[in-house]
Amino acid sequence: MPQSNSSANQGDGGLTKLALRKFKRNFWGVFSFCFLVLCTLMAIFAYALAPDNSQNANQMHLSIHSKQPGFQVEMLKIPSQLEEQSGIAVFFFGKKNTDTELPISGYTLTETGIEIVEYTPDGTSGLSKEYQLEMFPEASSVDEIPARYLTTKKFFLGTDKYGRDLLSRMLVGIRISLAIGFVAVFISL
């Protein structure tokens, strides 16, 4: 007696196996699924991947606004005096108490601290400011300030009109986009 179509499929592993087989043959379906998985992983690990791990990637530097991709600038990091967050909170929600970062175009070490020249977009000489050694708790002498608190920061996708890192903003923005998409699908069910 010939078997019916549904019982033949059940013998091969059921309808789920049939659906998966058809899905695997559809290139765009598999590509879209892989893209969604990649976006979800990037959303989960957004603050670990983002160069700016402040909350909502919202560290602003008005003097470096609207810069092109690949822009680099030297930054002086002034530590925050506020209490530290747990590592898990920073990993999932970003730093609430971020250190202050100042774009600089030059610096000189003084007897009591570091004197910086603030970065200006037009290349003119910016304001000079001096920061005392006491503001840098991990530095025991003035000579340690450049090694511990000066870095060159690269903005891979450039900056927006407020000087925020666009790559970091996009990575954190994936979370919001996915959340809206899942809520829309949930409502439609």
N, C-alpha and C. Protein backbone atom coordinates (compact mmCIF):
# COMPACT_ATOMS: atom_id res chain seq x y z
N MET A 1 0.84 -1.18 0.00
CA MET A 1 0.00 0.00 0.00
C MET A 1 0.89 1.24 0.00
N PRO A 2 0.70 2.17 -0.93
CA PRO A 2 1.56 3.35 -0.99
C PRO A 2 1.33 4.25 0.22
N GLN A 3 2.44 4.82 0.67
CA GLN A 3 2.35 5.72 1.83
C GLN A 3 1.89 7.09 1.39
N SER A 4 1.20 7.73 2.30
CA SER A 4 0.77 9.10 2.00
C SER A 4 1.98 10.03 2.10
N ASN A 5 1.84 11.20 1.54
CA ASN A 5 2.92 12.17 1.49
C ASN A 5 3.37 12.58 2.90
N SER A 6 2.41 12.80 3.81
CA SER A 6 2.76 13.26 5.15
C SER A 6 3.46 12.18 5.95
N SER A 7 3.06 10.93 5.79
CA SER A 7 3.72 9.87 6.55
C SER A 7 5.13 9.61 6.01
N ALA A 8 5.35 9.83 4.72
CA ALA A 8 6.70 9.68 4.15
C ALA A 8 7.62 10.75 4.71
N ASN A 9 7.11 11.97 4.82
CA ASN A 9 7.92 13.05 5.37
C ASN A 9 8.21 12.80 6.85
N GLN A 10 7.25 12.24 7.56
CA GLN A 10 7.44 11.99 8.98
C GLN A 10 8.52 10.93 9.17
N GLY A 11 8.59 9.97 8.27
CA GLY A 11 9.61 8.94 8.36
C GLY A 11 11.00 9.50 8.14
N ASP A 12 11.13 10.55 7.35
CA ASP A 12 12.43 11.17 7.09
C ASP A 12 12.83 12.15 8.19
N GLY A 13 12.01 12.39 9.16
CA GLY A 13 12.36 13.32 10.21
C GLY A 13 11.31 14.38 10.43
N GLY A 14 10.24 14.35 9.72
CA GLY A 14 9.13 15.25 9.99
C GLY A 14 9.16 16.53 9.17
N LEU A 15 8.18 17.32 9.47
CA LEU A 15 8.00 18.58 8.74
C LEU A 15 9.10 19.59 9.06
N THR A 16 9.63 19.51 10.27
CA THR A 16 10.70 20.44 10.65
C THR A 16 11.92 20.23 9.76
N LYS A 17 12.27 18.98 9.55
CA LYS A 17 13.42 18.68 8.70
C LYS A 17 13.18 19.15 7.27
N LEU A 18 11.97 18.98 6.79
CA LEU A 18 11.62 19.43 5.44
C LEU A 18 11.72 20.95 5.34
N ALA A 19 11.20 21.63 6.35
CA ALA A 19 11.27 23.10 6.35
C ALA A 19 12.71 23.58 6.40
N LEU A 20 13.54 22.94 7.23
CA LEU A 20 14.95 23.32 7.31
C LEU A 20 15.68 23.06 6.00
N ARG A 21 15.36 21.96 5.34
CA ARG A 21 15.99 21.66 4.06
C ARG A 21 15.65 22.73 3.02
N LYS A 22 14.38 23.13 2.98
CA LYS A 22 13.97 24.18 2.04
C LYS A 22 14.63 25.52 2.40
N PHE A 23 14.71 25.78 3.70
CA PHE A 23 15.33 27.03 4.15
C PHE A 23 16.80 27.08 3.75
N LYS A 24 17.52 25.98 3.91
CA LYS A 24 18.95 25.94 3.58
C LYS A 24 19.20 26.14 2.09
N ARG A 25 18.24 25.83 1.26
CA ARG A 25 18.39 26.02 -0.18
C ARG A 25 18.18 27.47 -0.59
N ASN A 26 17.52 28.24 0.24
CA ASN A 26 17.23 29.64 -0.07
C ASN A 26 18.40 30.51 0.40
N PHE A 27 19.22 30.98 -0.54
CA PHE A 27 20.41 31.77 -0.21
C PHE A 27 20.07 33.01 0.61
N TRP A 28 19.08 33.77 0.18
CA TRP A 28 18.76 35.03 0.85
C TRP A 28 18.18 34.79 2.24
N GLY A 29 17.49 33.70 2.43
CA GLY A 29 16.98 33.36 3.76
C GLY A 29 18.11 33.07 4.72
N VAL A 30 19.07 32.25 4.28
CA VAL A 30 20.23 31.91 5.11
C VAL A 30 21.08 33.16 5.36
N PHE A 31 21.30 33.96 4.32
CA PHE A 31 22.08 35.19 4.47
C PHE A 31 21.43 36.13 5.48
N SER A 32 20.12 36.30 5.39
CA SER A 32 19.39 37.19 6.31
C SER A 32 19.46 36.67 7.74
N PHE A 33 19.33 35.36 7.90
CA PHE A 33 19.42 34.76 9.23
C PHE A 33 20.80 34.99 9.83
N CYS A 34 21.85 34.77 9.05
CA CYS A 34 23.22 34.99 9.53
C CYS A 34 23.45 36.45 9.87
N PHE A 35 22.91 37.36 9.05
CA PHE A 35 23.05 38.79 9.32
C PHE A 35 22.36 39.16 10.63
N LEU A 36 21.17 38.62 10.87
CA LEU A 36 20.46 38.90 12.12
C LEU A 36 21.22 38.35 13.33
N VAL A 37 21.80 37.17 13.19
CA VAL A 37 22.59 36.61 14.29
C VAL A 37 23.81 37.49 14.56
N LEU A 38 24.49 37.94 13.50
CA LEU A 38 25.64 38.83 13.66
C LEU A 38 25.23 40.14 14.33
N CYS A 39 24.13 40.73 13.89
CA CYS A 39 23.64 41.98 14.50
C CYS A 39 23.27 41.78 15.97
N THR A 40 22.67 40.65 16.28
CA THR A 40 22.30 40.36 17.66
C THR A 40 23.54 40.22 18.53
N LEU A 41 24.56 39.53 18.04
CA LEU A 41 25.81 39.41 18.80
C LEU A 41 26.47 40.77 18.99
N MET A 42 26.46 41.60 17.93
CA MET A 42 27.03 42.94 18.06
C MET A 42 26.23 43.78 19.05
N ALA A 43 24.92 43.59 19.11
CA ALA A 43 24.09 44.34 20.05
C ALA A 43 24.38 43.90 21.49
N ILE A 44 24.55 42.61 21.69
CA ILE A 44 24.84 42.11 23.04
C ILE A 44 26.19 42.61 23.52
N PHE A 45 27.19 42.58 22.66
CA PHE A 45 28.55 42.97 23.03
C PHE A 45 28.89 44.39 22.58
N ALA A 46 27.90 45.25 22.43
CA ALA A 46 28.10 46.60 21.87
C ALA A 46 29.13 47.41 22.66
N TYR A 47 29.02 47.44 23.97
CA TYR A 47 29.94 48.27 24.76
C TYR A 47 31.34 47.67 24.82
N ALA A 48 31.46 46.36 24.64
CA ALA A 48 32.79 45.75 24.59
C ALA A 48 33.47 46.03 23.26
N LEU A 49 32.68 46.14 22.19
CA LEU A 49 33.23 46.40 20.85
C LEU A 49 33.44 47.88 20.56
N ALA A 50 32.63 48.74 21.17
CA ALA A 50 32.64 50.17 20.85
C ALA A 50 33.89 50.85 21.41
N PRO A 51 34.54 51.69 20.62
CA PRO A 51 35.67 52.46 21.13
C PRO A 51 35.27 53.40 22.27
N ASP A 52 34.06 53.95 22.21
CA ASP A 52 33.54 54.83 23.27
C ASP A 52 32.52 54.03 24.06
N ASN A 53 32.91 53.59 25.27
CA ASN A 53 31.98 52.76 26.05
C ASN A 53 31.23 53.57 27.10
N SER A 54 31.08 54.88 26.88
CA SER A 54 30.24 55.67 27.77
C SER A 54 28.78 55.31 27.51
N GLN A 55 27.92 55.62 28.47
CA GLN A 55 26.51 55.25 28.33
C GLN A 55 25.93 55.89 27.07
N ASN A 56 25.32 55.08 26.22
CA ASN A 56 24.75 55.48 24.93
C ASN A 56 25.81 56.06 23.98
N ALA A 57 27.07 55.76 24.22
CA ALA A 57 28.18 56.27 23.39
C ALA A 57 28.04 57.77 23.21
N ASN A 58 27.89 58.47 24.31
CA ASN A 58 27.53 59.88 24.28
C ASN A 58 28.64 60.80 24.76
N GLN A 59 29.90 60.38 24.65
CA GLN A 59 31.02 61.23 25.02
C GLN A 59 31.21 62.28 23.93
N MET A 60 31.01 63.56 24.27
CA MET A 60 31.05 64.63 23.27
C MET A 60 32.37 65.40 23.32
N HIS A 61 32.85 65.78 22.15
CA HIS A 61 34.04 66.62 22.00
C HIS A 61 33.73 67.63 20.89
N LEU A 62 33.22 68.78 21.25
CA LEU A 62 32.78 69.74 20.24
C LEU A 62 33.90 70.23 19.34
N SER A 63 35.13 70.21 19.83
CA SER A 63 36.23 70.71 19.00
C SER A 63 36.58 69.77 17.86
N ILE A 64 36.10 68.53 17.89
CA ILE A 64 36.38 67.60 16.79
C ILE A 64 35.09 67.17 16.11
N HIS A 65 34.16 68.07 15.96
CA HIS A 65 32.88 67.76 15.32
C HIS A 65 33.04 67.54 13.82
N SER A 66 32.19 66.70 13.28
CA SER A 66 32.06 66.46 11.83
C SER A 66 33.38 66.10 11.14
N LYS A 67 34.16 65.24 11.78
CA LYS A 67 35.43 64.82 11.18
C LYS A 67 35.22 63.60 10.28
N GLN A 68 36.06 63.46 9.28
CA GLN A 68 35.97 62.40 8.29
C GLN A 68 36.40 61.06 8.90
N PRO A 69 36.03 59.95 8.27
CA PRO A 69 36.46 58.63 8.75
C PRO A 69 37.98 58.51 8.79
N GLY A 70 38.48 57.85 9.83
CA GLY A 70 39.91 57.67 10.00
C GLY A 70 40.60 58.80 10.72
N PHE A 71 39.86 59.79 11.19
CA PHE A 71 40.44 60.94 11.88
C PHE A 71 41.11 60.49 13.18
N GLN A 72 42.29 61.05 13.46
CA GLN A 72 43.03 60.74 14.69
C GLN A 72 43.34 62.02 15.44
N VAL A 73 43.32 61.93 16.75
CA VAL A 73 43.68 63.07 17.59
C VAL A 73 44.24 62.54 18.91
N GLU A 74 45.15 63.31 19.48
CA GLU A 74 45.71 62.93 20.78
C GLU A 74 44.74 63.38 21.86
N MET A 75 44.50 62.52 22.85
CA MET A 75 43.54 62.79 23.92
C MET A 75 44.22 62.71 25.27
N LEU A 76 43.88 63.66 26.13
CA LEU A 76 44.28 63.62 27.54
C LEU A 76 43.08 63.14 28.32
N LYS A 77 43.27 62.08 29.09
CA LYS A 77 42.18 61.52 29.90
C LYS A 77 42.35 61.98 31.33
N ILE A 78 41.32 62.69 31.84
CA ILE A 78 41.32 63.13 33.23
C ILE A 78 40.36 62.21 33.98
N PRO A 79 40.87 61.44 34.94
CA PRO A 79 40.02 60.44 35.61
C PRO A 79 38.86 61.07 36.36
N SER A 80 37.75 60.35 36.37
CA SER A 80 36.55 60.76 37.10
C SER A 80 36.77 60.50 38.58
N GLN A 81 36.29 61.38 39.42
CA GLN A 81 36.44 61.21 40.86
C GLN A 81 35.26 60.45 41.46
N LEU A 82 34.31 60.04 40.62
CA LEU A 82 33.13 59.33 41.09
C LEU A 82 33.44 57.85 41.26
N GLU A 83 32.56 57.16 41.99
CA GLU A 83 32.77 55.73 42.26
C GLU A 83 32.69 54.90 40.98
N GLU A 84 33.41 53.80 40.99
CA GLU A 84 33.46 52.91 39.84
C GLU A 84 32.22 52.02 39.78
N GLN A 85 31.84 51.63 38.57
CA GLN A 85 30.74 50.69 38.36
C GLN A 85 31.29 49.28 38.28
N SER A 86 30.41 48.31 38.46
CA SER A 86 30.84 46.91 38.31
C SER A 86 31.12 46.63 36.84
N GLY A 87 31.96 45.64 36.59
CA GLY A 87 32.32 45.29 35.22
C GLY A 87 31.14 44.82 34.39
N ILE A 88 30.21 44.12 35.03
CA ILE A 88 29.04 43.62 34.30
C ILE A 88 28.15 44.78 33.88
N ALA A 89 27.97 45.76 34.77
CA ALA A 89 27.14 46.92 34.43
C ALA A 89 27.75 47.70 33.27
N VAL A 90 29.06 47.86 33.28
CA VAL A 90 29.73 48.57 32.18
C VAL A 90 29.59 47.78 30.89
N PHE A 91 29.71 46.45 30.97
CA PHE A 91 29.63 45.58 29.79
C PHE A 91 28.28 45.69 29.10
N PHE A 92 27.19 45.73 29.88
CA PHE A 92 25.86 45.73 29.29
C PHE A 92 25.24 47.12 29.12
N PHE A 93 25.62 48.09 29.96
CA PHE A 93 24.95 49.39 29.93
C PHE A 93 25.88 50.57 29.69
N GLY A 94 27.18 50.35 29.60
CA GLY A 94 28.12 51.44 29.38
C GLY A 94 28.50 52.13 30.67
N LYS A 95 29.56 52.94 30.60
CA LYS A 95 30.04 53.65 31.78
C LYS A 95 29.18 54.88 32.05
N LYS A 96 28.67 55.01 33.27
CA LYS A 96 27.94 56.22 33.65
C LYS A 96 28.91 57.33 34.00
N ASN A 97 29.97 56.95 34.71
CA ASN A 97 30.94 57.92 35.19
C ASN A 97 32.20 57.86 34.34
N THR A 98 32.10 58.41 33.16
CA THR A 98 33.25 58.33 32.26
C THR A 98 34.31 59.35 32.64
N ASP A 99 35.53 59.02 32.31
CA ASP A 99 36.62 59.97 32.49
C ASP A 99 36.46 61.07 31.45
N THR A 100 36.93 62.26 31.78
CA THR A 100 36.86 63.38 30.85
C THR A 100 38.00 63.23 29.84
N GLU A 101 37.67 63.31 28.57
CA GLU A 101 38.68 63.24 27.51
C GLU A 101 38.77 64.61 26.85
N LEU A 102 39.99 65.09 26.69
CA LEU A 102 40.21 66.38 26.05
C LEU A 102 41.07 66.20 24.80
N PRO A 103 40.56 66.59 23.63
CA PRO A 103 41.41 66.56 22.43
C PRO A 103 42.47 67.65 22.55
N ILE A 104 43.72 67.28 22.32
CA ILE A 104 44.80 68.26 22.45
C ILE A 104 45.65 68.26 21.18
N SER A 105 46.32 69.39 20.97
CA SER A 105 47.24 69.47 19.83
C SER A 105 48.69 69.47 20.30
N GLY A 106 48.91 69.61 21.59
CA GLY A 106 50.26 69.57 22.13
C GLY A 106 50.24 69.66 23.64
N TYR A 107 51.38 69.34 24.25
CA TYR A 107 51.49 69.43 25.71
C TYR A 107 52.94 69.67 26.10
N THR A 108 53.12 70.21 27.29
CA THR A 108 54.44 70.33 27.90
C THR A 108 54.31 69.94 29.36
N LEU A 109 55.32 69.29 29.88
CA LEU A 109 55.32 68.92 31.29
C LEU A 109 55.89 70.08 32.09
N THR A 110 55.23 70.41 33.19
CA THR A 110 55.71 71.46 34.09
C THR A 110 56.17 70.81 35.38
N GLU A 111 56.61 71.61 36.33
CA GLU A 111 57.07 71.06 37.61
C GLU A 111 55.92 70.46 38.40
N THR A 112 54.73 71.01 38.23
CA THR A 112 53.60 70.58 39.06
C THR A 112 52.54 69.78 38.30
N GLY A 113 52.68 69.61 37.00
CA GLY A 113 51.66 68.89 36.25
C GLY A 113 51.93 68.90 34.76
N ILE A 114 50.87 69.05 33.99
CA ILE A 114 50.96 69.04 32.53
C ILE A 114 50.18 70.23 31.99
N GLU A 115 50.79 70.94 31.05
CA GLU A 115 50.12 72.05 30.37
C GLU A 115 49.78 71.59 28.96
N ILE A 116 48.51 71.71 28.61
CA ILE A 116 48.05 71.24 27.30
C ILE A 116 47.60 72.41 26.45
N VAL A 117 47.64 72.20 25.14
CA VAL A 117 47.06 73.15 24.19
C VAL A 117 45.88 72.43 23.57
N GLU A 118 44.67 72.97 23.76
CA GLU A 118 43.46 72.32 23.27
C GLU A 118 43.46 72.28 21.74
N TYR A 119 42.88 71.23 21.20
CA TYR A 119 42.77 71.05 19.75
C TYR A 119 41.76 72.04 19.19
N THR A 120 42.10 72.64 18.06
CA THR A 120 41.14 73.50 17.35
C THR A 120 41.02 72.97 15.92
N PRO A 121 39.80 72.98 15.37
CA PRO A 121 39.60 72.41 14.03
C PRO A 121 40.31 73.16 12.91
N ASP A 122 40.53 74.45 13.08
CA ASP A 122 41.14 75.23 12.00
C ASP A 122 42.66 75.27 12.06
N GLY A 123 43.25 74.59 13.04
CA GLY A 123 44.71 74.52 13.11
C GLY A 123 45.36 75.66 13.86
N THR A 124 44.59 76.65 14.31
CA THR A 124 45.17 77.74 15.09
C THR A 124 45.50 77.23 16.49
N SER A 125 46.29 78.00 17.19
CA SER A 125 46.68 77.62 18.54
C SER A 125 45.48 77.73 19.47
N GLY A 126 45.18 76.65 20.17
CA GLY A 126 44.04 76.63 21.09
C GLY A 126 44.42 77.18 22.45
N LEU A 127 43.49 77.12 23.36
CA LEU A 127 43.71 77.59 24.72
C LEU A 127 44.70 76.69 25.44
N SER A 128 45.53 77.31 26.28
CA SER A 128 46.44 76.55 27.13
C SER A 128 45.82 76.38 28.50
N LYS A 129 45.91 75.18 29.03
CA LYS A 129 45.41 74.91 30.38
C LYS A 129 46.42 74.02 31.08
N GLU A 130 46.53 74.23 32.39
CA GLU A 130 47.43 73.39 33.16
C GLU A 130 46.62 72.52 34.11
N TYR A 131 46.99 71.26 34.18
CA TYR A 131 46.35 70.31 35.09
C TYR A 131 47.40 69.81 36.06
N GLN A 132 47.07 69.88 37.35
CA GLN A 132 48.01 69.51 38.40
C GLN A 132 48.14 67.99 38.52
N LEU A 133 49.26 67.54 39.07
CA LEU A 133 49.55 66.12 39.25
C LEU A 133 48.48 65.43 40.10
N GLU A 134 47.88 66.16 41.03
CA GLU A 134 46.88 65.57 41.93
C GLU A 134 45.64 65.06 41.18
N MET A 135 45.40 65.57 39.98
CA MET A 135 44.23 65.15 39.20
C MET A 135 44.43 63.77 38.57
N PHE A 136 45.65 63.26 38.63
CA PHE A 136 45.99 61.98 38.01
C PHE A 136 46.44 61.00 39.10
N PRO A 137 45.51 60.26 39.70
CA PRO A 137 45.83 59.43 40.86
C PRO A 137 46.83 58.30 40.61
N GLU A 138 46.91 57.78 39.41
CA GLU A 138 47.82 56.66 39.14
C GLU A 138 49.24 57.12 38.80
N ALA A 139 49.45 58.42 38.67
CA ALA A 139 50.78 58.94 38.34
C ALA A 139 51.44 59.43 39.62
N SER A 140 52.61 58.88 39.93
CA SER A 140 53.32 59.31 41.14
C SER A 140 54.25 60.48 40.85
N SER A 141 54.57 60.70 39.57
CA SER A 141 55.39 61.85 39.19
C SER A 141 54.85 62.43 37.88
N VAL A 142 55.29 63.63 37.57
CA VAL A 142 54.84 64.32 36.36
C VAL A 142 55.24 63.53 35.11
N ASP A 143 56.38 62.86 35.16
CA ASP A 143 56.87 62.12 33.99
C ASP A 143 55.97 60.93 33.62
N GLU A 144 55.15 60.45 34.55
CA GLU A 144 54.27 59.31 34.28
C GLU A 144 52.97 59.71 33.61
N ILE A 145 52.62 60.98 33.61
CA ILE A 145 51.33 61.43 33.06
C ILE A 145 51.20 61.08 31.57
N PRO A 146 52.16 61.40 30.71
CA PRO A 146 51.98 61.07 29.28
C PRO A 146 51.78 59.58 29.02
N ALA A 147 52.52 58.73 29.70
CA ALA A 147 52.42 57.29 29.46
C ALA A 147 51.07 56.73 29.90
N ARG A 148 50.52 57.25 30.98
CA ARG A 148 49.29 56.69 31.54
C ARG A 148 48.02 57.38 31.05
N TYR A 149 48.10 58.65 30.73
CA TYR A 149 46.88 59.42 30.48
C TYR A 149 46.78 60.06 29.09
N LEU A 150 47.79 59.93 28.26
CA LEU A 150 47.72 60.44 26.89
C LEU A 150 47.60 59.27 25.92
N THR A 151 46.62 59.35 25.03
CA THR A 151 46.43 58.32 24.01
C THR A 151 46.10 58.98 22.69
N THR A 152 46.36 58.27 21.61
CA THR A 152 45.91 58.73 20.29
C THR A 152 44.64 57.96 19.98
N LYS A 153 43.57 58.69 19.76
CA LYS A 153 42.27 58.07 19.52
C LYS A 153 41.94 58.18 18.03
N LYS A 154 41.53 57.05 17.45
CA LYS A 154 41.17 57.02 16.03
C LYS A 154 39.66 56.83 15.92
N PHE A 155 39.03 57.64 15.09
CA PHE A 155 37.60 57.56 14.86
C PHE A 155 37.40 56.90 13.49
N PHE A 156 37.15 55.59 13.48
CA PHE A 156 37.11 54.81 12.24
C PHE A 156 36.04 55.29 11.27
N LEU A 157 34.88 55.69 11.78
CA LEU A 157 33.81 56.20 10.92
C LEU A 157 33.63 57.71 11.06
N GLY A 158 34.57 58.36 11.72
CA GLY A 158 34.49 59.81 11.90
C GLY A 158 33.65 60.19 13.11
N THR A 159 33.28 61.48 13.17
CA THR A 159 32.49 61.99 14.28
C THR A 159 31.26 62.71 13.76
N ASP A 160 30.25 62.85 14.62
CA ASP A 160 29.04 63.57 14.23
C ASP A 160 29.18 65.05 14.59
N LYS A 161 28.09 65.80 14.50
CA LYS A 161 28.18 67.26 14.71
C LYS A 161 28.46 67.64 16.15
N TYR A 162 28.40 66.68 17.07
CA TYR A 162 28.74 66.94 18.47
C TYR A 162 30.08 66.32 18.86
N GLY A 163 30.79 65.75 17.90
CA GLY A 163 32.09 65.15 18.16
C GLY A 163 32.02 63.76 18.78
N ARG A 164 30.89 63.08 18.64
CA ARG A 164 30.74 61.73 19.17
C ARG A 164 31.20 60.72 18.12
N ASP A 165 31.75 59.61 18.58
CA ASP A 165 32.26 58.56 17.70
C ASP A 165 31.11 57.86 16.99
N LEU A 166 31.09 57.91 15.65
CA LEU A 166 29.98 57.32 14.89
C LEU A 166 29.95 55.80 14.95
N LEU A 167 31.09 55.14 14.98
CA LEU A 167 31.11 53.68 15.08
C LEU A 167 30.46 53.23 16.38
N SER A 168 30.81 53.87 17.48
CA SER A 168 30.22 53.52 18.77
C SER A 168 28.73 53.77 18.78
N ARG A 169 28.30 54.89 18.21
CA ARG A 169 26.87 55.22 18.17
C ARG A 169 26.10 54.18 17.34
N MET A 170 26.70 53.72 16.24
CA MET A 170 26.03 52.72 15.41
C MET A 170 25.92 51.38 16.14
N LEU A 171 26.98 50.97 16.83
CA LEU A 171 26.95 49.70 17.56
C LEU A 171 25.90 49.71 18.66
N VAL A 172 25.82 50.81 19.39
CA VAL A 172 24.81 50.91 20.45
C VAL A 172 23.42 51.05 19.84
N GLY A 173 23.32 51.71 18.70
CA GLY A 173 22.03 51.88 18.03
C GLY A 173 21.43 50.58 17.51
N ILE A 174 22.27 49.58 17.26
CA ILE A 174 21.76 48.27 16.83
C ILE A 174 20.81 47.71 17.87
N ARG A 175 21.11 47.93 19.15
CA ARG A 175 20.24 47.44 20.23
C ARG A 175 18.83 48.00 20.09
N ILE A 176 18.75 49.28 19.85
CA ILE A 176 17.45 49.94 19.76
C ILE A 176 16.69 49.44 18.54
N SER A 177 17.38 49.33 17.42
CA SER A 177 16.72 48.86 16.19
C SER A 177 16.19 47.44 16.35
N LEU A 178 16.99 46.56 16.94
CA LEU A 178 16.53 45.18 17.14
C LEU A 178 15.36 45.13 18.12
N ALA A 179 15.42 45.93 19.17
CA ALA A 179 14.32 45.94 20.15
C ALA A 179 13.02 46.39 19.49
N ILE A 180 13.08 47.43 18.68
CA ILE A 180 11.88 47.90 17.98
C ILE A 180 11.35 46.82 17.04
N GLY A 181 12.24 46.15 16.32
CA GLY A 181 11.83 45.08 15.41
C GLY A 181 11.16 43.93 16.14
N PHE A 182 11.74 43.50 17.26
CA PHE A 182 11.15 42.39 18.01
C PHE A 182 9.80 42.78 18.62
N VAL A 183 9.68 44.01 19.10
CA VAL A 183 8.40 44.47 19.65
C VAL A 183 7.34 44.50 18.55
N ALA A 184 7.71 44.96 17.36
CA ALA A 184 6.75 45.01 16.25
C ALA A 184 6.29 43.61 15.87
N VAL A 185 7.22 42.65 15.82
CA VAL A 185 6.84 41.27 15.50
C VAL A 185 5.96 40.70 16.61
N PHE A 186 6.31 40.97 17.86
CA PHE A 186 5.53 40.46 18.98
C PHE A 186 4.10 41.01 18.96
N ILE A 187 3.95 42.29 18.64
CA ILE A 187 2.62 42.90 18.58
C ILE A 187 1.81 42.29 17.44
N SER A 188 2.47 42.01 16.32
CA SER A 188 1.74 41.47 15.17
C SER A 188 1.28 40.03 15.38
N LEU A 189 1.89 39.33 16.33
CA LEU A 189 1.47 37.95 16.62
C LEU A 189 0.19 38.03 17.38
